[in-house]
Amino acid sequence: MGSVGQDDGGSSAGATEAVSSSSSTSSCPPNASLDTHLYNTNADVLPWTLRHEIVLGIGSALLYLHEEWEQCVVHRDIKPSNVMLDATFNAKLGDFGLARLVDHGRGSHTTVLAGTIGYMDPECMITGKANTESDVYSFGIVLLEIACGRPPIMVPQHQAEQGQDMIHLAQWVWDLYGNGRIFDAADHRLDGEFDDGEMERVMVVGLWCVHPDRSVRPVIRQVVSVQRGEVPPPSLPVRMPLATFLPPIDAFGYTSSAVTRSSTSTNSYNTGAPDTEISSLLR
């Protein structure tokens, strides 16, 4: 497992330690991936102190990819199974199989749809344009997962048996936020053992990141600043805003002949080999 290179300037010292290449053939890190700790009922509950450090680690990795390397790297598949944890639970963002290089300031990168359902920016399903804003959306979903201990798309057992609708995590948390009950969304397995300020920042920033209007979402530097406690979290609308683009029939679950299933995941989509320039940078 290697990392994306960094020049000698050291402007983001330590950031590259949180950016790793990984694949199904890579050796398993000592503490596996983040999803195994969020959803393994046989494992110890991941304490909040470690969760918060993982949040900061992923944020630092994305800050480096989006703003501090010589070109902007759009990851396109940010999710807990691509967050590797080392022996001391330091987070490393891995799997650059779908990543693309974009010149700083260029904007959106038009491509065939790619990513994992539940983590993909719904606007990508319409425009096919992946950019830093779509990465921020995916990170927002991961933030909510870390705080809530729930998957991005939830199917309550009683509803599944009755064939009722699924619940999207972002909508559920936003509803609680609007009712002044955001802490009700916190992972119940934590039994209230968390810092209220940190928990609120993680969840509110998660909602900010998944705002349906891309132009309202934060850039990753703003996300990191809030998570570090350098600036307060934003005040969001009490109701989740409507999307500013024409949504598909189902904004969070869809089928399309324009995409092909990944050979490595039943829930992922890809367009083939990774960008050759990115491949050469992972060492």
C-alpha atoms as a PDB file:
ATOM      1  CA  MET A   1       0.000   0.000   0.000  1.00  0.00           C
ATOM      2  CA  GLY A   2       1.501   3.317  -1.059  1.00  0.00           C
ATOM      3  CA  SER A   3       0.614   6.980  -1.170  1.00  0.00           C
ATOM      4  CA  VAL A   4       0.186   9.792  -3.663  1.00  0.00           C
ATOM      5  CA  GLY A   5       3.435  11.680  -4.038  1.00  0.00           C
ATOM      6  CA  GLN A   6       4.075  15.100  -2.539  1.00  0.00           C
ATOM      7  CA  ASP A   7       6.682  17.710  -3.434  1.00  0.00           C
ATOM      8  CA  ASP A   8       9.355  18.764  -0.993  1.00  0.00           C
ATOM      9  CA  GLY A   9       7.517  21.906   0.061  1.00  0.00           C
ATOM     10  CA  GLY A  10       5.795  20.065   2.874  1.00  0.00           C
ATOM     11  CA  SER A  11       2.750  22.370   2.718  1.00  0.00           C
ATOM     12  CA  SER A  12       0.505  19.477   3.711  1.00  0.00           C
ATOM     13  CA  ALA A  13       2.830  17.593   5.986  1.00  0.00           C
ATOM     14  CA  GLY A  14       1.351  14.303   6.980  1.00  0.00           C
ATOM     15  CA  ALA A  15      -1.588  14.571   4.600  1.00  0.00           C
ATOM     16  CA  THR A  16      -0.220  11.971   2.229  1.00  0.00           C
ATOM     17  CA  GLU A  17      -0.124   9.490   5.075  1.00  0.00           C
ATOM     18  CA  ALA A  18      -3.919   9.489   4.848  1.00  0.00           C
ATOM     19  CA  VAL A  19      -3.968   8.866   1.085  1.00  0.00           C
ATOM     20  CA  SER A  20      -3.234   5.319   0.010  1.00  0.00           C
ATOM     21  CA  SER A  21      -3.694   3.180  -3.052  1.00  0.00           C
ATOM     22  CA  SER A  22      -5.463  -0.084  -2.440  1.00  0.00           C
ATOM     23  CA  SER A  23      -7.087  -2.911  -4.334  1.00  0.00           C
ATOM     24  CA  SER A  24      -8.615  -6.261  -3.644  1.00  0.00           C
ATOM     25  CA  THR A  25      -5.157  -7.778  -3.950  1.00  0.00           C
ATOM     26  CA  SER A  26      -3.549  -5.458  -1.388  1.00  0.00           C
ATOM     27  CA  SER A  27      -2.638  -6.845   2.006  1.00  0.00           C
ATOM     28  CA  CYS A  28      -5.333  -6.144   4.560  1.00  0.00           C
ATOM     29  CA  PRO A  29      -4.451  -3.285   6.956  1.00  0.00           C
ATOM     30  CA  PRO A  30      -4.282  -4.230  10.652  1.00  0.00           C
ATOM     31  CA  ASN A  31      -7.742  -2.858  11.412  1.00  0.00           C
ATOM     32  CA  ALA A  32      -9.348  -3.491   8.023  1.00  0.00           C
ATOM     33  CA  SER A  33     -11.748  -0.904   6.613  1.00  0.00           C
ATOM     34  CA  LEU A  34     -14.077   1.517   8.356  1.00  0.00           C
ATOM     35  CA  ASP A  35     -17.267  -0.298   7.366  1.00  0.00           C
ATOM     36  CA  THR A  36     -16.216  -3.425   9.246  1.00  0.00           C
ATOM     37  CA  HIS A  37     -16.176  -1.408  12.478  1.00  0.00           C
ATOM     38  CA  LEU A  38     -19.395   0.492  11.828  1.00  0.00           C
ATOM     39  CA  TYR A  39     -21.492  -2.555  10.968  1.00  0.00           C
ATOM     40  CA  ASN A  40     -19.852  -5.628  12.511  1.00  0.00           C
ATOM     41  CA  THR A  41     -22.157  -6.528  15.384  1.00  0.00           C
ATOM     42  CA  ASN A  42     -19.573  -8.952  16.758  1.00  0.00           C
ATOM     43  CA  ALA A  43     -16.877  -6.291  17.126  1.00  0.00           C
ATOM     44  CA  ASP A  44     -16.439  -3.756  19.898  1.00  0.00           C
ATOM     45  CA  VAL A  45     -18.246  -0.480  19.312  1.00  0.00           C
ATOM     46  CA  LEU A  46     -15.898   2.053  17.723  1.00  0.00           C
ATOM     47  CA  PRO A  47     -15.605   4.823  20.357  1.00  0.00           C
ATOM     48  CA  TRP A  48     -16.331   8.413  19.459  1.00  0.00           C
ATOM     49  CA  THR A  49     -12.755   9.586  20.020  1.00  0.00           C
ATOM     50  CA  LEU A  50     -11.556   7.246  17.265  1.00  0.00           C
ATOM     51  CA  ARG A  51     -14.472   8.127  15.002  1.00  0.00           C
ATOM     52  CA  HIS A  52     -13.654  11.810  15.277  1.00  0.00           C
ATOM     53  CA  GLU A  53      -9.987  11.202  14.480  1.00  0.00           C
ATOM     54  CA  ILE A  54     -11.073   9.170  11.445  1.00  0.00           C
ATOM     55  CA  VAL A  55     -13.244  12.086  10.305  1.00  0.00           C
ATOM     56  CA  LEU A  56     -10.249  14.426  10.562  1.00  0.00           C
ATOM     57  CA  GLY A  57      -8.033  11.945   8.727  1.00  0.00           C
ATOM     58  CA  ILE A  58     -10.376  11.542   5.768  1.00  0.00           C
ATOM     59  CA  GLY A  59     -10.836  15.306   5.613  1.00  0.00           C
ATOM     60  CA  SER A  60      -7.070  15.875   5.508  1.00  0.00           C
ATOM     61  CA  ALA A  61      -6.727  13.317   2.725  1.00  0.00           C
ATOM     62  CA  LEU A  62      -9.422  14.974   0.622  1.00  0.00           C
ATOM     63  CA  LEU A  63      -7.978  18.429   1.249  1.00  0.00           C
ATOM     64  CA  TYR A  64      -4.670  17.217  -0.142  1.00  0.00           C
ATOM     65  CA  LEU A  65      -6.291  15.551  -3.157  1.00  0.00           C
ATOM     66  CA  HIS A  66      -8.545  18.471  -4.026  1.00  0.00           C
ATOM     67  CA  GLU A  67      -6.358  21.470  -3.287  1.00  0.00           C
ATOM     68  CA  GLU A  68      -2.787  20.749  -2.262  1.00  0.00           C
ATOM     69  CA  TRP A  69      -1.395  18.387  -4.874  1.00  0.00           C
ATOM     70  CA  GLU A  70      -0.183  19.709  -8.235  1.00  0.00           C
ATOM     71  CA  GLN A  71      -3.441  18.613  -9.886  1.00  0.00           C
ATOM     72  CA  CYS A  72      -6.885  18.121  -8.408  1.00  0.00           C
ATOM     73  CA  VAL A  73      -7.725  14.443  -7.887  1.00  0.00           C
ATOM     74  CA  VAL A  74     -11.447  13.642  -7.966  1.00  0.00           C
ATOM     75  CA  HIS A  75     -11.778  10.309  -6.146  1.00  0.00           C
ATOM     76  CA  ARG A  76     -15.355   9.422  -7.238  1.00  0.00           C
ATOM     77  CA  ASP A  77     -15.840   6.496  -4.841  1.00  0.00           C
ATOM     78  CA  ILE A  78     -15.561   7.734  -1.255  1.00  0.00           C
ATOM     79  CA  LYS A  79     -17.225   5.262   1.113  1.00  0.00           C
ATOM     80  CA  PRO A  80     -16.363   3.460   4.370  1.00  0.00           C
ATOM     81  CA  SER A  81     -15.075   0.334   2.618  1.00  0.00           C
ATOM     82  CA  ASN A  82     -12.447   2.530   0.922  1.00  0.00           C
ATOM     83  CA  VAL A  83     -11.252   3.999   4.234  1.00  0.00           C
ATOM     84  CA  MET A  84      -8.473   1.779   5.586  1.00  0.00           C
ATOM     85  CA  LEU A  85      -7.482   1.821   9.253  1.00  0.00           C
ATOM     86  CA  ASP A  86      -3.926   1.144  10.373  1.00  0.00           C
ATOM     87  CA  ALA A  87      -2.779  -0.381  13.665  1.00  0.00           C
ATOM     88  CA  THR A  88      -3.609   2.794  15.610  1.00  0.00           C
ATOM     89  CA  PHE A  89      -6.822   3.503  13.656  1.00  0.00           C
ATOM     90  CA  ASN A  90      -5.347   6.263  11.527  1.00  0.00           C
ATOM     91  CA  ALA A  91      -7.573   6.589   8.455  1.00  0.00           C
ATOM     92  CA  LYS A  92      -6.167   6.166   4.955  1.00  0.00           C
ATOM     93  CA  LEU A  93      -8.319   6.893   1.907  1.00  0.00           C
ATOM     94  CA  GLY A  94      -7.749   4.154  -0.654  1.00  0.00           C
ATOM     95  CA  ASP A  95      -8.882   2.659  -3.976  1.00  0.00           C
ATOM     96  CA  PHE A  96      -8.237   5.135  -6.764  1.00  0.00           C
ATOM     97  CA  GLY A  97      -9.639   2.858  -9.459  1.00  0.00           C
ATOM     98  CA  LEU A  98     -12.264   5.425 -10.485  1.00  0.00           C
ATOM     99  CA  ALA A  99     -10.258   8.586  -9.742  1.00  0.00           C
ATOM    100  CA  ARG A 100      -9.636  11.275 -12.349  1.00  0.00           C
ATOM    101  CA  LEU A 101      -7.162  14.141 -12.588  1.00  0.00           C
ATOM    102  CA  VAL A 102      -8.549  17.632 -13.183  1.00  0.00           C
ATOM    103  CA  ASP A 103      -6.571  20.848 -13.515  1.00  0.00           C
ATOM    104  CA  HIS A 104      -7.163  23.220 -10.606  1.00  0.00           C
ATOM    105  CA  GLY A 105      -9.934  25.665 -11.468  1.00  0.00           C
ATOM    106  CA  ARG A 106     -11.140  23.646 -14.437  1.00  0.00           C
ATOM    107  CA  GLY A 107     -14.441  22.644 -12.864  1.00  0.00           C
ATOM    108  CA  SER A 108     -16.499  19.580 -13.656  1.00  0.00           C
ATOM    109  CA  HIS A 109     -15.120  16.494 -15.336  1.00  0.00           C
ATOM    110  CA  THR A 110     -17.673  14.966 -17.708  1.00  0.00           C
ATOM    111  CA  THR A 111     -17.522  11.212 -17.775  1.00  0.00           C
ATOM    112  CA  VAL A 112     -19.610   8.074 -17.806  1.00  0.00           C
ATOM    113  CA  LEU A 113     -21.380   7.540 -14.508  1.00  0.00           C
ATOM    114  CA  ALA A 114     -19.250   5.875 -11.828  1.00  0.00           C
ATOM    115  CA  GLY A 115     -19.410   5.312  -8.110  1.00  0.00           C
ATOM    116  CA  THR A 116     -21.484   3.472  -5.524  1.00  0.00           C
ATOM    117  CA  ILE A 117     -25.223   3.838  -5.042  1.00  0.00           C
ATOM    118  CA  GLY A 118     -26.014   5.683  -1.830  1.00  0.00           C
ATOM    119  CA  TYR A 119     -22.792   7.682  -1.974  1.00  0.00           C
ATOM    120  CA  MET A 120     -23.143   9.190  -5.443  1.00  0.00           C
ATOM    121  CA  ASP A 121     -24.204  12.802  -5.821  1.00  0.00           C
ATOM    122  CA  PRO A 122     -27.729  12.532  -7.314  1.00  0.00           C
ATOM    123  CA  GLU A 123     -26.894  15.326  -9.749  1.00  0.00           C
ATOM    124  CA  CYS A 124     -24.234  13.080 -11.292  1.00  0.00           C
ATOM    125  CA  MET A 125     -27.015  10.739 -12.343  1.00  0.00           C
ATOM    126  CA  ILE A 126     -28.392  13.515 -14.555  1.00  0.00           C
ATOM    127  CA  THR A 127     -25.306  15.403 -15.725  1.00  0.00           C
ATOM    128  CA  GLY A 128     -22.617  12.727 -15.606  1.00  0.00           C
ATOM    129  CA  LYS A 129     -20.299  15.442 -14.264  1.00  0.00           C
ATOM    130  CA  ALA A 130     -18.032  14.399 -11.414  1.00  0.00           C
ATOM    131  CA  ASN A 131     -16.095  17.076  -9.572  1.00  0.00           C
ATOM    132  CA  THR A 132     -14.930  18.076  -6.128  1.00  0.00           C
ATOM    133  CA  GLU A 133     -18.524  18.894  -5.171  1.00  0.00           C
ATOM    134  CA  SER A 134     -19.577  15.312  -5.876  1.00  0.00           C
ATOM    135  CA  ASP A 135     -16.662  14.051  -3.754  1.00  0.00           C
ATOM    136  CA  VAL A 136     -17.816  16.375  -0.970  1.00  0.00           C
ATOM    137  CA  TYR A 137     -21.315  14.882  -1.242  1.00  0.00           C
ATOM    138  CA  SER A 138     -19.913  11.373  -0.795  1.00  0.00           C
ATOM    139  CA  PHE A 139     -17.836  12.530   2.174  1.00  0.00           C
ATOM    140  CA  GLY A 140     -20.970  14.036   3.700  1.00  0.00           C
ATOM    141  CA  ILE A 141     -22.719  10.680   3.550  1.00  0.00           C
ATOM    142  CA  VAL A 142     -19.694   9.054   5.209  1.00  0.00           C
ATOM    143  CA  LEU A 143     -19.752  11.692   7.961  1.00  0.00           C
ATOM    144  CA  LEU A 144     -23.385  10.870   8.685  1.00  0.00           C
ATOM    145  CA  GLU A 145     -22.606   7.147   8.717  1.00  0.00           C
ATOM    146  CA  ILE A 146     -19.778   7.630  11.197  1.00  0.00           C
ATOM    147  CA  ALA A 147     -21.977   9.707  13.501  1.00  0.00           C
ATOM    148  CA  CYS A 148     -25.160   7.659  13.187  1.00  0.00           C
ATOM    149  CA  GLY A 149     -23.848   4.136  12.654  1.00  0.00           C
ATOM    150  CA  ARG A 150     -26.406   3.658   9.878  1.00  0.00           C
ATOM    151  CA  PRO A 151     -26.054   2.966   6.131  1.00  0.00           C
ATOM    152  CA  PRO A 152     -26.884   5.647   3.536  1.00  0.00           C
ATOM    153  CA  ILE A 153     -30.111   3.910   2.537  1.00  0.00           C
ATOM    154  CA  MET A 154     -32.112   2.359   5.362  1.00  0.00           C
ATOM    155  CA  VAL A 155     -34.890  -0.205   5.107  1.00  0.00           C
ATOM    156  CA  PRO A 156     -36.589  -0.654   8.491  1.00  0.00           C
ATOM    157  CA  GLN A 157     -37.503  -4.294   8.952  1.00  0.00           C
ATOM    158  CA  HIS A 158     -41.229  -3.717   9.422  1.00  0.00           C
ATOM    159  CA  GLN A 159     -41.334  -1.536   6.312  1.00  0.00           C
ATOM    160  CA  ALA A 160     -39.336  -4.002   4.237  1.00  0.00           C
ATOM    161  CA  GLU A 161     -41.840  -6.710   5.088  1.00  0.00           C
ATOM    162  CA  GLN A 162     -44.684  -4.443   4.006  1.00  0.00           C
ATOM    163  CA  GLY A 163     -42.916  -3.301   0.849  1.00  0.00           C
ATOM    164  CA  GLN A 164     -42.804   0.343   1.929  1.00  0.00           C
ATOM    165  CA  ASP A 165     -40.300   2.985   0.904  1.00  0.00           C
ATOM    166  CA  MET A 166     -36.670   3.078   1.940  1.00  0.00           C
ATOM    167  CA  ILE A 167     -35.384   5.930   4.098  1.00  0.00           C
ATOM    168  CA  HIS A 168     -32.409   7.980   2.980  1.00  0.00           C
ATOM    169  CA  LEU A 169     -30.019   8.695   5.851  1.00  0.00           C
ATOM    170  CA  ALA A 170     -29.466  12.331   4.851  1.00  0.00           C
ATOM    171  CA  GLN A 171     -33.194  13.088   4.773  1.00  0.00           C
ATOM    172  CA  TRP A 172     -33.741  11.349   8.123  1.00  0.00           C
ATOM    173  CA  VAL A 173     -30.958  13.310   9.851  1.00  0.00           C
ATOM    174  CA  TRP A 174     -32.086  16.586   8.251  1.00  0.00           C
ATOM    175  CA  ASP A 175     -35.628  16.051   9.563  1.00  0.00           C
ATOM    176  CA  LEU A 176     -34.267  15.565  13.089  1.00  0.00           C
ATOM    177  CA  TYR A 177     -32.030  18.638  12.680  1.00  0.00           C
ATOM    178  CA  GLY A 178     -35.023  20.736  11.656  1.00  0.00           C
ATOM    179  CA  ASN A 179     -36.931  19.572  14.730  1.00  0.00           C
ATOM    180  CA  GLY A 180     -34.063  20.434  17.074  1.00  0.00           C
ATOM    181  CA  ARG A 181     -33.393  16.763  17.807  1.00  0.00           C
ATOM    182  CA  ILE A 182     -30.202  16.105  15.875  1.00  0.00           C
ATOM    183  CA  PHE A 183     -28.614  14.169  18.748  1.00  0.00           C
ATOM    184  CA  ASP A 184     -31.386  11.597  18.354  1.00  0.00           C
ATOM    185  CA  ALA A 185     -29.551  10.545  15.186  1.00  0.00           C
ATOM    186  CA  ALA A 186     -26.324   9.697  17.047  1.00  0.00           C
ATOM    187  CA  ASP A 187     -25.332   6.029  17.053  1.00  0.00           C
ATOM    188  CA  HIS A 188     -27.254   4.553  19.997  1.00  0.00           C
ATOM    189  CA  ARG A 189     -24.430   2.066  20.571  1.00  0.00           C
ATOM    190  CA  LEU A 190     -22.288   4.958  21.801  1.00  0.00           C
ATOM    191  CA  ASP A 191     -24.709   5.251  24.727  1.00  0.00           C
ATOM    192  CA  GLY A 192     -24.248   9.017  24.793  1.00  0.00           C
ATOM    193  CA  GLU A 193     -20.471   8.741  25.201  1.00  0.00           C
ATOM    194  CA  PHE A 194     -19.413  11.512  22.819  1.00  0.00           C
ATOM    195  CA  ASP A 195     -18.487  15.169  22.800  1.00  0.00           C
ATOM    196  CA  ASP A 196     -21.668  17.093  21.973  1.00  0.00           C
ATOM    197  CA  GLY A 197     -19.844  19.811  20.045  1.00  0.00           C
ATOM    198  CA  GLU A 198     -17.920  17.332  17.915  1.00  0.00           C
ATOM    199  CA  MET A 199     -20.993  15.224  17.222  1.00  0.00           C
ATOM    200  CA  GLU A 200     -23.017  18.263  16.201  1.00  0.00           C
ATOM    201  CA  ARG A 201     -20.253  19.507  13.899  1.00  0.00           C
ATOM    202  CA  VAL A 202     -19.900  16.134  12.197  1.00  0.00           C
ATOM    203  CA  MET A 203     -23.625  15.778  11.556  1.00  0.00           C
ATOM    204  CA  VAL A 204     -24.315  19.385  10.551  1.00  0.00           C
ATOM    205  CA  VAL A 205     -21.314  19.445   8.225  1.00  0.00           C
ATOM    206  CA  GLY A 206     -22.457  16.099   6.827  1.00  0.00           C
ATOM    207  CA  LEU A 207     -25.792  17.710   5.949  1.00  0.00           C
ATOM    208  CA  TRP A 208     -24.035  20.754   4.495  1.00  0.00           C
ATOM    209  CA  CYS A 209     -21.983  18.464   2.264  1.00  0.00           C
ATOM    210  CA  VAL A 210     -25.073  16.688   0.904  1.00  0.00           C
ATOM    211  CA  HIS A 211     -27.023  19.886   0.205  1.00  0.00           C
ATOM    212  CA  PRO A 212     -28.974  19.232  -3.028  1.00  0.00           C
ATOM    213  CA  ASP A 213     -27.616  22.458  -4.538  1.00  0.00           C
ATOM    214  CA  ARG A 214     -23.944  21.925  -5.385  1.00  0.00           C
ATOM    215  CA  SER A 215     -23.270  25.663  -5.271  1.00  0.00           C
ATOM    216  CA  VAL A 216     -24.199  25.752  -1.576  1.00  0.00           C
ATOM    217  CA  ARG A 217     -21.953  22.867  -0.535  1.00  0.00           C
ATOM    218  CA  PRO A 218     -18.664  23.678   1.202  1.00  0.00           C
ATOM    219  CA  VAL A 219     -15.280  23.122  -0.328  1.00  0.00           C
ATOM    220  CA  ILE A 220     -13.201  20.598   1.553  1.00  0.00           C
ATOM    221  CA  ARG A 221     -11.086  23.297   3.235  1.00  0.00           C
ATOM    222  CA  GLN A 222     -14.241  24.708   4.854  1.00  0.00           C
ATOM    223  CA  VAL A 223     -15.226  21.220   6.000  1.00  0.00           C
ATOM    224  CA  VAL A 224     -11.854  20.659   7.639  1.00  0.00           C
ATOM    225  CA  SER A 225     -11.922  24.075   9.333  1.00  0.00           C
ATOM    226  CA  VAL A 226     -15.296  23.370  10.940  1.00  0.00           C
ATOM    227  CA  GLN A 227     -14.305  19.866  12.026  1.00  0.00           C
ATOM    228  CA  ARG A 228     -11.167  21.225  13.661  1.00  0.00           C
ATOM    229  CA  GLY A 229     -13.292  23.721  15.598  1.00  0.00           C
ATOM    230  CA  GLU A 230     -11.658  26.705  13.881  1.00  0.00           C
ATOM    231  CA  VAL A 231     -15.008  28.103  12.695  1.00  0.00           C
ATOM    232  CA  PRO A 232     -18.576  27.325  13.807  1.00  0.00           C
ATOM    233  CA  PRO A 233     -20.822  25.014  11.797  1.00  0.00           C
ATOM    234  CA  PRO A 234     -23.276  26.665   9.404  1.00  0.00           C
ATOM    235  CA  SER A 235     -26.942  27.313  10.068  1.00  0.00           C
ATOM    236  CA  LEU A 236     -28.925  25.207   7.609  1.00  0.00           C
ATOM    237  CA  PRO A 237     -32.587  25.402   6.534  1.00  0.00           C
ATOM    238  CA  VAL A 238     -34.920  23.498   8.851  1.00  0.00           C
ATOM    239  CA  ARG A 239     -36.170  21.491   5.883  1.00  0.00           C
ATOM    240  CA  MET A 240     -33.943  19.768   3.346  1.00  0.00           C
ATOM    241  CA  PRO A 241     -34.063  21.981   0.220  1.00  0.00           C
ATOM    242  CA  LEU A 242     -35.379  20.662  -3.059  1.00  0.00           C
ATOM    243  CA  ALA A 243     -32.856  19.770  -5.729  1.00  0.00           C
ATOM    244  CA  THR A 244     -32.088  22.513  -8.230  1.00  0.00           C
ATOM    245  CA  PHE A 245     -31.687  20.039 -11.092  1.00  0.00           C
ATOM    246  CA  LEU A 246     -34.218  17.726 -12.713  1.00  0.00           C
ATOM    247  CA  PRO A 247     -34.088  14.559 -10.584  1.00  0.00           C
ATOM    248  CA  PRO A 248     -34.393  11.044 -11.934  1.00  0.00           C
ATOM    249  CA  ILE A 249     -37.481   8.988 -11.093  1.00  0.00           C
ATOM    250  CA  ASP A 250     -35.690   7.793  -7.969  1.00  0.00           C
ATOM    251  CA  ALA A 251     -32.870  10.114  -6.969  1.00  0.00           C
ATOM    252  CA  PHE A 252     -31.145   7.606  -4.703  1.00  0.00           C
ATOM    253  CA  GLY A 253     -31.694   4.269  -6.425  1.00  0.00           C
ATOM    254  CA  TYR A 254     -31.790   3.718 -10.165  1.00  0.00           C
ATOM    255  CA  THR A 255     -31.036   1.490 -13.080  1.00  0.00           C
ATOM    256  CA  SER A 256     -29.430   2.655 -16.289  1.00  0.00           C
ATOM    257  CA  SER A 257     -28.031   1.045 -19.398  1.00  0.00           C
ATOM    258  CA  ALA A 258     -25.460   3.833 -19.516  1.00  0.00           C
ATOM    259  CA  VAL A 259     -23.467   2.314 -16.681  1.00  0.00           C
ATOM    260  CA  THR A 260     -21.803  -1.033 -16.164  1.00  0.00           C
ATOM    261  CA  ARG A 261     -21.448  -2.965 -12.952  1.00  0.00           C
ATOM    262  CA  SER A 262     -18.055  -3.109 -11.329  1.00  0.00           C
ATOM    263  CA  SER A 263     -16.516  -6.541 -11.130  1.00  0.00           C
ATOM    264  CA  THR A 264     -15.444  -5.798  -7.550  1.00  0.00           C
ATOM    265  CA  SER A 265     -18.722  -4.645  -5.996  1.00  0.00           C
ATOM    266  CA  THR A 266     -22.377  -5.377  -6.572  1.00  0.00           C
ATOM    267  CA  ASN A 267     -23.223  -1.779  -5.684  1.00  0.00           C
ATOM    268  CA  SER A 268     -20.502   0.014  -7.644  1.00  0.00           C
ATOM    269  CA  TYR A 269     -20.251   1.250 -11.192  1.00  0.00           C
ATOM    270  CA  ASN A 270     -17.150   2.015 -13.163  1.00  0.00           C
ATOM    271  CA  THR A 271     -15.825   2.887 -16.587  1.00  0.00           C
ATOM    272  CA  GLY A 272     -12.825   0.595 -16.796  1.00  0.00           C
ATOM    273  CA  ALA A 273      -9.165   1.154 -15.984  1.00  0.00           C
ATOM    274  CA  PRO A 274      -8.099   4.043 -13.738  1.00  0.00           C
ATOM    275  CA  ASP A 275      -6.489   7.143 -15.183  1.00  0.00           C
ATOM    276  CA  THR A 276      -2.963   6.124 -16.210  1.00  0.00           C
ATOM    277  CA  GLU A 277      -1.460   9.275 -14.706  1.00  0.00           C
ATOM    278  CA  ILE A 278      -3.023   8.518 -11.339  1.00  0.00           C
ATOM    279  CA  SER A 279      -1.825   4.931 -11.514  1.00  0.00           C
ATOM    280  CA  SER A 280       1.722   6.165 -11.972  1.00  0.00           C
ATOM    281  CA  LEU A 281       1.405   8.415  -8.913  1.00  0.00           C
ATOM    282  CA  LEU A 282       0.331   5.687  -6.522  1.00  0.00           C
ATOM    283  CA  ARG A 283       3.382   4.077  -5.080  1.00  0.00           C
END
